[in-house]
Protein backbone atom coordinates (compact mmCIF):
# COMPACT_ATOMS: atom_id res chain seq x y z
CA UNK A 1 0.00 0.00 0.00
CA UNK A 2 1.33 3.43 -0.95
CA UNK A 3 1.46 5.69 2.13
CA UNK A 4 3.53 8.65 0.94
CA UNK A 5 5.48 9.65 -2.15
CA UNK A 6 7.45 12.55 -3.57
CA UNK A 7 9.62 13.24 -6.58
CA UNK A 8 12.79 15.30 -6.73
CA UNK A 9 13.68 16.85 -10.09
CA UNK A 10 17.37 17.56 -10.61
CA UNK A 11 20.23 17.79 -13.07
CA UNK A 12 22.49 14.77 -13.39
CA UNK A 13 25.73 14.57 -11.45
CA UNK A 14 27.77 15.07 -14.64
CA UNK A 15 26.02 18.25 -15.72
CA UNK A 16 27.77 21.63 -15.37
CA UNK A 17 24.68 23.28 -13.80
CA UNK A 18 23.20 22.33 -10.44
CA UNK A 19 19.43 22.65 -10.30
CA UNK A 20 16.76 21.14 -8.05
CA UNK A 21 12.98 21.38 -8.22
CA UNK A 22 10.05 19.56 -6.66
CA UNK A 23 7.92 17.16 -8.66
CA UNK A 24 4.60 15.59 -7.69
CA UNK A 25 4.16 14.69 -4.05
CA UNK A 26 1.68 13.04 -1.72
CA UNK A 27 2.89 13.63 1.84
CA UNK A 28 0.12 13.19 4.44
CA UNK A 29 0.93 14.75 7.80
CA UNK A 30 -2.02 13.53 9.84
CA UNK A 31 -1.25 10.88 12.46
CA UNK A 32 0.93 8.83 12.10
CA UNK A 33 2.56 11.32 9.73
CA UNK A 34 3.67 9.16 6.82
CA UNK A 35 4.82 12.19 4.83
CA UNK A 36 7.27 13.46 7.47
CA UNK A 37 8.47 9.87 8.00
CA UNK A 38 9.37 9.57 4.31
CA UNK A 39 11.17 12.94 4.32
CA UNK A 40 13.10 11.80 7.40
CA UNK A 41 14.17 8.60 5.60
CA UNK A 42 15.52 10.59 2.66
CA UNK A 43 17.33 13.01 4.97
CA UNK A 44 18.89 10.24 7.07
CA UNK A 45 20.24 8.40 4.03
CA UNK A 46 21.64 11.45 2.21
CA UNK A 47 23.11 13.77 4.84
CA UNK A 48 26.48 11.99 4.80
CA UNK A 49 26.83 13.07 1.16
CA UNK A 50 27.24 16.74 2.10
CA UNK A 51 30.73 18.17 1.94
CA UNK A 52 32.05 20.31 4.80
CA UNK A 53 30.84 23.64 3.40
CA UNK A 54 27.38 22.27 2.61
CA UNK A 55 27.07 20.76 6.10
CA UNK A 56 27.89 24.16 7.60
CA UNK A 57 25.29 25.89 5.40
CA UNK A 58 22.49 23.38 6.07
CA UNK A 59 21.31 24.80 9.47
CA UNK A 60 20.74 28.23 7.91
CA UNK A 61 18.73 26.67 5.09
CA UNK A 62 16.59 24.79 7.61
CA UNK A 63 15.97 28.01 9.55
CA UNK A 64 14.80 29.70 6.36
CA UNK A 65 12.59 26.70 5.57
CA UNK A 66 10.61 27.22 8.80
CA UNK A 67 9.12 30.35 7.24
CA UNK A 68 8.80 28.73 3.81
CA UNK A 69 11.43 29.04 1.10
CA UNK A 70 11.21 31.77 -1.51
CA UNK A 71 11.90 30.06 -4.85
CA UNK A 72 14.05 30.52 -6.90
CA UNK A 73 17.04 30.82 -4.59
CA UNK A 74 20.44 29.27 -3.94
CA UNK A 75 20.90 26.46 -1.45
CA UNK A 76 24.01 24.35 -0.74
CA UNK A 77 25.50 25.55 -4.06
CA UNK A 78 22.41 24.44 -6.01
CA UNK A 79 19.76 26.57 -7.67
CA UNK A 80 16.35 25.78 -6.17
CA UNK A 81 13.66 26.44 -8.76
CA UNK A 82 10.08 25.77 -9.80
CA UNK A 83 10.68 24.92 -13.47
CA UNK A 84 11.20 21.19 -14.04
CA UNK A 85 11.84 21.25 -17.79
CA UNK A 86 14.86 19.17 -18.81
CA UNK A 87 15.41 17.78 -15.30
CA UNK A 88 15.81 14.13 -14.34
CA UNK A 89 13.75 12.73 -11.49
CA UNK A 90 14.18 10.61 -8.40
CA UNK A 91 11.07 9.15 -6.78
CA UNK A 92 10.90 8.14 -3.12
CA UNK A 93 7.98 6.23 -1.59
CA UNK A 94 6.84 4.91 1.76
CA UNK A 95 5.00 1.61 1.43
CA UNK A 96 2.99 -0.49 3.85
CA UNK A 97 3.81 -4.15 3.26
CA UNK A 98 3.13 -7.40 5.08
CA UNK A 99 6.43 -7.19 6.94
CA UNK A 100 5.98 -3.54 7.97
CA UNK A 101 6.89 -0.13 6.53
CA UNK A 102 9.37 0.08 3.64
CA UNK A 103 11.07 3.27 2.44
CA UNK A 104 11.60 2.72 -1.28
CA UNK A 105 14.43 5.13 -2.09
CA UNK A 106 15.59 5.88 -5.61
CA UNK A 107 19.21 4.98 -6.35
CA UNK A 108 19.66 8.54 -7.59
CA UNK A 109 20.05 8.98 -3.84
CA UNK A 110 23.70 8.13 -4.52
CA UNK A 111 23.70 11.69 -5.87
CA UNK A 112 22.66 12.78 -2.38
CA UNK A 113 22.54 16.58 -2.11
CA UNK A 114 19.57 17.14 -4.48
CA UNK A 115 17.59 14.50 -2.59
CA UNK A 116 18.15 16.22 0.75
CA UNK A 117 17.33 19.60 -0.79
CA UNK A 118 14.15 18.10 -2.25
CA UNK A 119 13.09 16.85 1.18
CA UNK A 120 13.64 20.31 2.69
CA UNK A 121 11.79 21.98 -0.19
CA UNK A 122 8.88 19.55 0.20
CA UNK A 123 8.61 20.36 3.90
CA UNK A 124 8.91 24.11 3.29
CA UNK A 125 6.08 24.00 0.73
CA UNK A 126 3.55 22.81 3.34
CA UNK A 127 1.23 24.97 5.41
CA UNK A 128 2.60 26.30 8.69
CA UNK A 129 1.70 23.49 11.12
CA UNK A 130 2.49 20.46 8.90
CA UNK A 131 5.67 22.27 7.82
CA UNK A 132 6.83 22.31 11.46
CA UNK A 133 6.08 18.59 11.78
CA UNK A 134 7.98 17.75 8.60
CA UNK A 135 11.01 19.89 9.43
CA UNK A 136 11.14 18.45 12.94
CA UNK A 137 11.24 14.96 11.43
CA UNK A 138 14.02 15.98 9.03
CA UNK A 139 16.08 17.62 11.76
CA UNK A 140 15.76 14.55 14.00
CA UNK A 141 16.91 12.34 11.11
CA UNK A 142 19.92 14.57 10.45
CA UNK A 143 21.11 13.93 14.00
CA UNK A 144 21.32 10.18 13.23
CA UNK A 145 22.86 9.82 9.77
CA UNK A 146 22.12 6.49 8.13
CA UNK A 147 19.54 5.47 10.74
CA UNK A 148 15.93 5.22 9.56
CA UNK A 149 13.00 5.88 11.91
CA UNK A 150 12.12 2.87 14.03
CA UNK A 151 10.17 0.17 12.24
CA UNK A 152 11.12 1.26 8.70
CA UNK A 153 13.44 -0.67 6.40
CA UNK A 154 15.04 0.69 3.22
CA UNK A 155 14.76 -0.67 -0.28
CA UNK A 156 16.94 0.84 -3.00
CA UNK A 157 15.36 0.95 -6.44
CA UNK A 158 15.89 2.50 -9.85
CA UNK A 159 13.59 3.48 -12.67
CA UNK A 160 13.64 3.20 -16.42
CA UNK A 161 13.12 6.50 -18.23
CA UNK A 162 9.39 7.09 -17.98
CA UNK A 163 7.43 9.66 -15.96
CA UNK A 164 5.96 8.45 -12.67
CA UNK A 165 2.23 7.68 -12.72
CA UNK A 166 0.68 8.63 -9.39
CA UNK A 167 -2.64 6.99 -10.30
CA UNK A 168 -1.18 3.56 -11.10
CA UNK A 169 -0.90 0.72 -8.64
CA UNK A 170 2.70 -0.03 -7.52
CA UNK A 171 4.45 -2.60 -9.66
CA UNK A 172 5.08 -6.00 -8.15
CA UNK A 173 8.49 -6.41 -6.58
CA UNK A 174 10.93 -9.01 -7.83
CA UNK A 175 12.42 -11.34 -5.20
CA UNK A 176 15.36 -9.68 -3.50
CA UNK A 177 15.06 -6.45 -5.51
CA UNK A 178 12.90 -3.36 -5.64
CA UNK A 179 10.67 -3.33 -8.73
CA UNK A 180 10.49 -4.73 -12.24
CA UNK A 181 12.41 -1.61 -13.32
CA UNK A 182 15.46 -3.15 -11.70
CA UNK A 183 16.47 -4.44 -15.13
CA UNK A 184 19.14 -1.76 -14.68
CA UNK A 185 20.41 -3.46 -11.54
CA UNK A 186 24.19 -3.87 -11.66
CA UNK A 187 24.71 -1.35 -14.49
CA UNK A 188 27.17 1.34 -13.30
CA UNK A 189 25.33 4.57 -12.47
CA UNK A 190 27.17 6.72 -15.02
CA UNK A 191 26.61 4.26 -17.86
CA UNK A 192 22.95 3.79 -16.91
CA UNK A 193 22.42 7.56 -16.90
CA UNK A 194 24.08 7.99 -20.30
CA UNK A 195 22.09 5.12 -21.83
CA UNK A 196 18.82 6.54 -20.47
CA UNK A 197 19.59 10.00 -21.85
CA UNK A 198 20.26 8.58 -25.31
CA UNK A 199 17.24 6.27 -25.14
CA UNK A 200 18.99 2.89 -24.98
CA UNK A 201 17.36 0.13 -22.96
CA UNK A 202 19.05 -1.89 -20.20
CA UNK A 203 19.33 -4.96 -22.41
CA UNK A 204 21.30 -3.23 -25.20
CA UNK A 205 25.05 -2.89 -25.77
CA UNK A 206 25.32 0.18 -28.02
CA UNK A 207 28.37 0.36 -30.26
CA UNK A 208 30.18 3.57 -31.21
CA UNK A 209 28.17 4.11 -34.38
CA UNK A 210 24.92 3.47 -32.50
CA UNK A 211 25.85 6.13 -29.94
CA UNK A 212 26.84 8.69 -32.57
CA UNK A 213 23.74 8.06 -34.69
CA UNK A 214 21.41 8.35 -31.69
CA UNK A 215 23.24 11.47 -30.46
CA UNK A 216 22.93 13.26 -33.81
CA UNK A 217 19.22 12.44 -34.08
CA UNK A 218 18.38 13.60 -30.54
CA UNK A 219 20.41 16.81 -30.86
CA UNK A 220 18.51 17.57 -34.05
CA UNK A 221 15.18 16.98 -32.27
CA UNK A 222 16.25 19.13 -29.31
CA UNK A 223 17.30 22.10 -31.44
CA UNK A 224 14.82 25.02 -31.70
CA UNK A 225 15.55 25.26 -35.43
CA UNK A 226 13.76 21.93 -35.80
CA UNK A 227 10.70 22.90 -33.79
CA UNK A 228 11.83 22.20 -30.22
CA UNK A 229 11.02 24.75 -27.52
CA UNK A 230 13.75 27.29 -26.77
CA UNK A 231 13.41 26.81 -23.01
CA UNK A 232 15.71 24.04 -21.82
CA UNK A 233 17.18 23.35 -25.28
CA UNK A 234 20.71 24.34 -24.33
CA UNK A 235 20.67 22.18 -21.19
CA UNK A 236 19.27 19.23 -23.16
CA UNK A 237 21.98 19.50 -25.83
CA UNK A 238 24.70 19.70 -23.17
CA UNK A 239 23.18 16.64 -21.45
CA UNK A 240 23.22 14.68 -24.71
CA UNK A 241 26.85 15.62 -25.31
CA UNK A 242 27.84 14.48 -21.83
CA UNK A 243 25.98 11.18 -22.29
CA UNK A 244 27.81 10.61 -25.58
CA UNK A 245 31.13 11.33 -23.90
CA UNK A 246 30.42 8.87 -21.07
CA UNK A 247 29.55 6.00 -23.42
CA UNK A 248 32.37 6.60 -25.91
CA UNK A 249 34.97 7.16 -23.21
CA UNK A 250 34.30 3.65 -21.90
CA UNK A 251 35.54 2.13 -25.14
């Protein structure tokens, strides 16, 4: 059973710009507060990814979040924004299963800072009272890095490149793994990202000519001269170039 869910939109680790936005979210705060519990899980599992300067800046960001965050703004060397165009996504969910509560955390969590920023932004976007509850849960989690709230276990998952459907029933889990989308399981994160950007599936082994052909076609589609929107075109073309570099550099 789905109890809470939110999506963080962000640039990839390899991209020259650092941007974070909030996607769709369902974060109930009524007792027992499944929304704050999920935000706490994300915070606990990502805080160790902050560098020294970001860790020092985090308390000030949390203080600002208590009054709500004015967006756009800078936070932990990232641009916090509303626009999600051209951004990747990470989806985090809290599930009720036969064995208890499971925090299903996207493996993009290995790119931790945007996930923590997304949790803070999600809390800050709430009304005054639920915002206090959510931020209190996040702050408690930050005091115990790597430790999830009592009674919750973590499951690390990944997603193929398709937008999340908040009306669909959760996919059945495969034994010992997260979801059917774990076809990417075991593929190095950088290669998986590059293959997703260029539209290759997890069961393909693209050769150099395949990569170049796909790159040229997608750049052409992304260019405003061929009918694409101007907004986000530059970022998309840079992303395609970086994906090409990652795949060709491996050879």
